[in-house]
Amino acid sequence: MKTYVFRVVLEPDGDRWLAYAPALKDLGGATWGDTEEEALQNIKQVVEMTVEGLVEHSEPIPEEPQSDVLVLSDPRVAVTL
């Protein structure tokens, strides 16, 4: 079992917030929200769905660049405050 931690970027975009995971952006790892918190919740769902799709289709999960993806060999729980 591996734990993947993806860096996400949150940027204001007019009256909403853009959120994306750089390591997954080319695979559809981007979304938006009306608030920063909503965008963060949405990108979490998008990252999960993107990774699940990769696994379902037996495609590799990005593990680089290290500045955008942290891969750990043991289970972890992340909390964002």
N, C-alpha and C. Protein backbone atom coordinates (compact mmCIF):
# COMPACT_ATOMS: atom_id res chain seq x y z
N MET A 1 0.84 -1.18 0.00
CA MET A 1 0.00 0.00 0.00
C MET A 1 0.89 1.24 0.00
N LYS A 2 0.50 2.22 -0.82
CA LYS A 2 1.22 3.49 -0.88
C LYS A 2 0.26 4.62 -0.56
N THR A 3 0.80 5.67 0.02
CA THR A 3 0.04 6.89 0.26
C THR A 3 0.59 7.96 -0.66
N TYR A 4 -0.28 8.60 -1.42
CA TYR A 4 0.10 9.67 -2.33
C TYR A 4 -0.42 11.00 -1.78
N VAL A 5 0.45 11.98 -1.71
CA VAL A 5 0.06 13.32 -1.28
C VAL A 5 0.37 14.25 -2.44
N PHE A 6 -0.67 14.88 -2.98
CA PHE A 6 -0.52 15.76 -4.12
C PHE A 6 -0.59 17.22 -3.68
N ARG A 7 0.37 18.00 -4.12
CA ARG A 7 0.33 19.44 -3.87
C ARG A 7 -0.79 20.04 -4.71
N VAL A 8 -1.55 20.97 -4.12
CA VAL A 8 -2.58 21.66 -4.88
C VAL A 8 -2.31 23.16 -4.85
N VAL A 9 -2.79 23.82 -5.87
CA VAL A 9 -2.64 25.27 -5.99
C VAL A 9 -4.05 25.86 -5.98
N LEU A 10 -4.24 26.88 -5.16
CA LEU A 10 -5.51 27.62 -5.10
C LEU A 10 -5.22 29.05 -5.52
N GLU A 11 -5.96 29.53 -6.51
CA GLU A 11 -5.74 30.89 -7.01
C GLU A 11 -7.08 31.59 -7.20
N PRO A 12 -7.15 32.87 -6.80
CA PRO A 12 -8.37 33.62 -7.09
C PRO A 12 -8.52 33.80 -8.59
N ASP A 13 -9.76 33.71 -9.07
CA ASP A 13 -10.05 33.84 -10.50
C ASP A 13 -11.34 34.65 -10.63
N GLY A 14 -11.20 35.95 -10.58
CA GLY A 14 -12.38 36.81 -10.60
C GLY A 14 -13.16 36.66 -9.31
N ASP A 15 -14.41 36.24 -9.41
CA ASP A 15 -15.24 36.08 -8.21
C ASP A 15 -15.30 34.63 -7.73
N ARG A 16 -14.39 33.79 -8.19
CA ARG A 16 -14.32 32.40 -7.75
C ARG A 16 -12.87 32.00 -7.54
N TRP A 17 -12.65 30.74 -7.16
CA TRP A 17 -11.31 30.23 -6.90
C TRP A 17 -11.02 29.05 -7.82
N LEU A 18 -9.84 29.05 -8.40
CA LEU A 18 -9.35 27.96 -9.23
C LEU A 18 -8.48 27.06 -8.36
N ALA A 19 -8.63 25.74 -8.51
CA ALA A 19 -7.81 24.79 -7.77
C ALA A 19 -7.33 23.70 -8.73
N TYR A 20 -6.05 23.35 -8.61
CA TYR A 20 -5.53 22.26 -9.44
C TYR A 20 -4.35 21.59 -8.75
N ALA A 21 -4.15 20.33 -9.14
CA ALA A 21 -3.00 19.56 -8.68
C ALA A 21 -2.02 19.52 -9.85
N PRO A 22 -0.88 20.21 -9.75
CA PRO A 22 0.04 20.28 -10.89
C PRO A 22 0.41 18.91 -11.47
N ALA A 23 0.60 17.91 -10.65
CA ALA A 23 1.00 16.59 -11.15
C ALA A 23 -0.13 15.90 -11.92
N LEU A 24 -1.36 16.36 -11.70
CA LEU A 24 -2.52 15.72 -12.35
C LEU A 24 -3.24 16.65 -13.31
N LYS A 25 -2.75 17.86 -13.48
CA LYS A 25 -3.46 18.87 -14.27
C LYS A 25 -3.71 18.39 -15.71
N ASP A 26 -2.74 17.76 -16.33
CA ASP A 26 -2.90 17.28 -17.70
C ASP A 26 -3.86 16.10 -17.79
N LEU A 27 -4.21 15.52 -16.64
CA LEU A 27 -5.13 14.38 -16.59
C LEU A 27 -6.52 14.81 -16.12
N GLY A 28 -6.74 16.12 -16.03
CA GLY A 28 -8.04 16.64 -15.61
C GLY A 28 -8.09 17.04 -14.15
N GLY A 29 -6.95 17.12 -13.50
CA GLY A 29 -6.91 17.45 -12.07
C GLY A 29 -7.05 18.93 -11.79
N ALA A 30 -8.17 19.51 -12.20
CA ALA A 30 -8.42 20.93 -11.96
C ALA A 30 -9.92 21.14 -11.74
N THR A 31 -10.26 22.16 -10.97
CA THR A 31 -11.65 22.49 -10.68
C THR A 31 -11.72 23.91 -10.17
N TRP A 32 -12.87 24.30 -9.66
CA TRP A 32 -13.05 25.65 -9.12
C TRP A 32 -14.10 25.60 -8.02
N GLY A 33 -14.26 26.71 -7.32
CA GLY A 33 -15.29 26.84 -6.30
C GLY A 33 -15.60 28.31 -6.08
N ASP A 34 -16.75 28.57 -5.51
CA ASP A 34 -17.14 29.95 -5.22
C ASP A 34 -16.31 30.55 -4.10
N THR A 35 -15.79 29.69 -3.20
CA THR A 35 -14.92 30.13 -2.11
C THR A 35 -13.64 29.30 -2.13
N GLU A 36 -12.64 29.75 -1.42
CA GLU A 36 -11.40 29.00 -1.34
C GLU A 36 -11.64 27.61 -0.73
N GLU A 37 -12.48 27.56 0.31
CA GLU A 37 -12.78 26.29 0.97
C GLU A 37 -13.51 25.34 0.03
N GLU A 38 -14.47 25.86 -0.74
CA GLU A 38 -15.20 25.02 -1.69
C GLU A 38 -14.26 24.49 -2.78
N ALA A 39 -13.37 25.33 -3.27
CA ALA A 39 -12.40 24.89 -4.28
C ALA A 39 -11.50 23.79 -3.72
N LEU A 40 -11.10 23.92 -2.47
CA LEU A 40 -10.25 22.90 -1.85
C LEU A 40 -11.01 21.58 -1.70
N GLN A 41 -12.28 21.64 -1.29
CA GLN A 41 -13.09 20.42 -1.20
C GLN A 41 -13.25 19.78 -2.58
N ASN A 42 -13.49 20.61 -3.59
CA ASN A 42 -13.69 20.10 -4.94
C ASN A 42 -12.43 19.45 -5.49
N ILE A 43 -11.26 20.06 -5.26
CA ILE A 43 -10.03 19.48 -5.80
C ILE A 43 -9.71 18.17 -5.10
N LYS A 44 -10.08 18.04 -3.84
CA LYS A 44 -9.87 16.76 -3.15
C LYS A 44 -10.66 15.67 -3.86
N GLN A 45 -11.91 15.95 -4.19
CA GLN A 45 -12.74 14.97 -4.90
C GLN A 45 -12.18 14.67 -6.29
N VAL A 46 -11.74 15.70 -6.99
CA VAL A 46 -11.19 15.52 -8.34
C VAL A 46 -9.92 14.67 -8.29
N VAL A 47 -9.05 14.93 -7.32
CA VAL A 47 -7.82 14.14 -7.19
C VAL A 47 -8.17 12.68 -6.93
N GLU A 48 -9.11 12.44 -6.01
CA GLU A 48 -9.50 11.07 -5.71
C GLU A 48 -10.07 10.37 -6.94
N MET A 49 -10.95 11.05 -7.67
CA MET A 49 -11.54 10.46 -8.87
C MET A 49 -10.50 10.22 -9.96
N THR A 50 -9.56 11.14 -10.11
CA THR A 50 -8.51 10.98 -11.13
C THR A 50 -7.63 9.78 -10.81
N VAL A 51 -7.22 9.66 -9.56
CA VAL A 51 -6.37 8.53 -9.17
C VAL A 51 -7.14 7.22 -9.29
N GLU A 52 -8.41 7.20 -8.87
CA GLU A 52 -9.22 5.99 -9.01
C GLU A 52 -9.34 5.59 -10.48
N GLY A 53 -9.50 6.56 -11.37
CA GLY A 53 -9.58 6.27 -12.80
C GLY A 53 -8.28 5.69 -13.33
N LEU A 54 -7.16 6.22 -12.88
CA LEU A 54 -5.87 5.69 -13.30
C LEU A 54 -5.72 4.24 -12.87
N VAL A 55 -6.07 3.96 -11.62
CA VAL A 55 -5.96 2.60 -11.11
C VAL A 55 -6.89 1.67 -11.89
N GLU A 56 -8.13 2.12 -12.11
CA GLU A 56 -9.11 1.31 -12.83
C GLU A 56 -8.64 0.93 -14.23
N HIS A 57 -7.91 1.84 -14.87
CA HIS A 57 -7.42 1.59 -16.23
C HIS A 57 -5.97 1.09 -16.27
N SER A 58 -5.47 0.70 -15.11
CA SER A 58 -4.10 0.17 -14.97
C SER A 58 -3.05 1.12 -15.52
N GLU A 59 -3.27 2.41 -15.33
CA GLU A 59 -2.31 3.43 -15.74
C GLU A 59 -1.49 3.86 -14.52
N PRO A 60 -0.26 4.29 -14.74
CA PRO A 60 0.58 4.68 -13.60
C PRO A 60 0.09 5.97 -12.94
N ILE A 61 0.22 6.01 -11.64
CA ILE A 61 -0.08 7.22 -10.87
C ILE A 61 1.19 8.06 -10.86
N PRO A 62 1.10 9.35 -11.21
CA PRO A 62 2.31 10.19 -11.21
C PRO A 62 2.98 10.20 -9.85
N GLU A 63 4.29 10.04 -9.85
CA GLU A 63 5.07 10.08 -8.62
C GLU A 63 6.13 11.17 -8.66
N GLU A 64 6.12 11.96 -9.69
CA GLU A 64 7.09 13.05 -9.85
C GLU A 64 6.39 14.25 -10.48
N PRO A 65 6.91 15.42 -10.36
CA PRO A 65 8.12 15.78 -9.63
C PRO A 65 7.88 15.72 -8.12
N GLN A 66 8.95 15.50 -7.39
CA GLN A 66 8.85 15.36 -5.94
C GLN A 66 8.29 16.61 -5.28
N SER A 67 8.40 17.75 -5.93
CA SER A 67 7.84 18.97 -5.36
C SER A 67 6.31 18.99 -5.45
N ASP A 68 5.73 18.11 -6.29
CA ASP A 68 4.28 18.07 -6.47
C ASP A 68 3.63 16.79 -5.96
N VAL A 69 4.42 15.74 -5.74
CA VAL A 69 3.87 14.46 -5.29
C VAL A 69 4.79 13.87 -4.23
N LEU A 70 4.21 13.51 -3.11
CA LEU A 70 4.93 12.81 -2.06
C LEU A 70 4.36 11.41 -2.00
N VAL A 71 5.21 10.41 -2.15
CA VAL A 71 4.77 9.02 -2.12
C VAL A 71 5.39 8.36 -0.89
N LEU A 72 4.51 7.80 -0.06
CA LEU A 72 4.95 7.17 1.18
C LEU A 72 4.56 5.70 1.14
N SER A 73 5.38 4.85 1.71
CA SER A 73 5.12 3.41 1.65
C SER A 73 4.19 2.93 2.76
N ASP A 74 3.84 3.81 3.69
CA ASP A 74 2.92 3.42 4.75
C ASP A 74 1.71 4.36 4.76
N PRO A 75 0.57 3.88 5.26
CA PRO A 75 -0.64 4.70 5.27
C PRO A 75 -0.47 5.94 6.15
N ARG A 76 -1.08 7.03 5.71
CA ARG A 76 -1.06 8.29 6.45
C ARG A 76 -2.43 8.93 6.35
N VAL A 77 -2.69 9.85 7.24
CA VAL A 77 -3.89 10.66 7.18
C VAL A 77 -3.45 12.12 7.16
N ALA A 78 -3.96 12.88 6.21
CA ALA A 78 -3.61 14.29 6.10
C ALA A 78 -4.80 15.12 6.57
N VAL A 79 -4.50 16.18 7.28
CA VAL A 79 -5.51 17.11 7.74
C VAL A 79 -5.07 18.50 7.32
N THR A 80 -5.95 19.21 6.64
CA THR A 80 -5.65 20.56 6.19
C THR A 80 -6.47 21.53 7.02
N LEU A 81 -5.81 22.49 7.64
CA LEU A 81 -6.50 23.49 8.48
C LEU A 81 -6.27 24.87 7.91
